[in-house]
């Protein structure tokens, strides 16, 4: 194979090698949303000691 299609470690190069996968993007977005919801007080009614 040519150098264009294979990296020095022997792994094939793809156009999306350094991009986030879909599940990572969904996970990170949901964590950020959960933190924002906690900060906004959306879960205060569920906490029995407040």
Protein backbone atom coordinates (compact mmCIF):
# COMPACT_ATOMS: atom_id res chain seq x y z
CA UNK A 1 0.00 0.00 0.00
CA UNK A 2 1.11 3.55 -0.49
CA UNK A 3 2.01 5.98 2.29
CA UNK A 4 -1.26 7.81 1.70
CA UNK A 5 -3.35 4.84 2.82
CA UNK A 6 -1.26 3.52 5.69
CA UNK A 7 0.23 5.25 8.72
CA UNK A 8 3.64 4.49 10.24
CA UNK A 9 1.99 2.22 12.82
CA UNK A 10 0.40 0.12 10.09
CA UNK A 11 -3.15 1.32 10.74
CA UNK A 12 -5.13 2.54 7.74
CA UNK A 13 -5.79 6.28 7.68
CA UNK A 14 -9.37 7.44 7.42
CA UNK A 15 -10.88 10.85 6.96
CA UNK A 16 -12.50 10.64 10.42
CA UNK A 17 -9.59 9.24 12.41
CA UNK A 18 -9.35 12.25 14.73
CA UNK A 19 -13.05 13.09 14.98
CA UNK A 20 -15.46 12.17 17.76
CA UNK A 21 -17.73 9.24 17.17
CA UNK A 22 -21.48 9.71 17.35
CA UNK A 23 -21.80 8.00 20.73
CA UNK A 24 -19.05 10.20 22.18
CA UNK A 25 -20.76 13.34 20.92
CA UNK A 26 -24.09 12.24 22.40
CA UNK A 27 -22.47 11.29 25.70
CA UNK A 28 -20.57 14.55 26.09
CA UNK A 29 -23.63 16.60 25.14
CA UNK A 30 -25.85 14.75 27.62
CA UNK A 31 -23.34 15.22 30.45
CA UNK A 32 -23.13 18.95 29.73
CA UNK A 33 -26.94 19.14 29.64
CA UNK A 34 -27.23 17.22 32.92
CA UNK A 35 -24.76 19.57 34.63
CA UNK A 36 -26.65 22.58 33.28
CA UNK A 37 -29.96 21.16 34.54
CA UNK A 38 -28.47 20.61 38.00
CA UNK A 39 -27.09 24.15 38.03
CA UNK A 40 -30.47 25.55 36.99
CA UNK A 41 -32.17 23.76 39.87
CA UNK A 42 -34.35 21.43 37.82
CA UNK A 43 -33.70 18.56 40.24
CA UNK A 44 -34.31 20.48 43.48
CA UNK A 45 -37.76 18.95 43.92
CA UNK A 46 -36.27 15.48 43.95
CA UNK A 47 -33.89 16.17 46.84
CA UNK A 48 -35.63 15.25 50.12
CA UNK A 49 -33.31 17.19 52.44
CA UNK A 50 -33.93 20.62 50.94
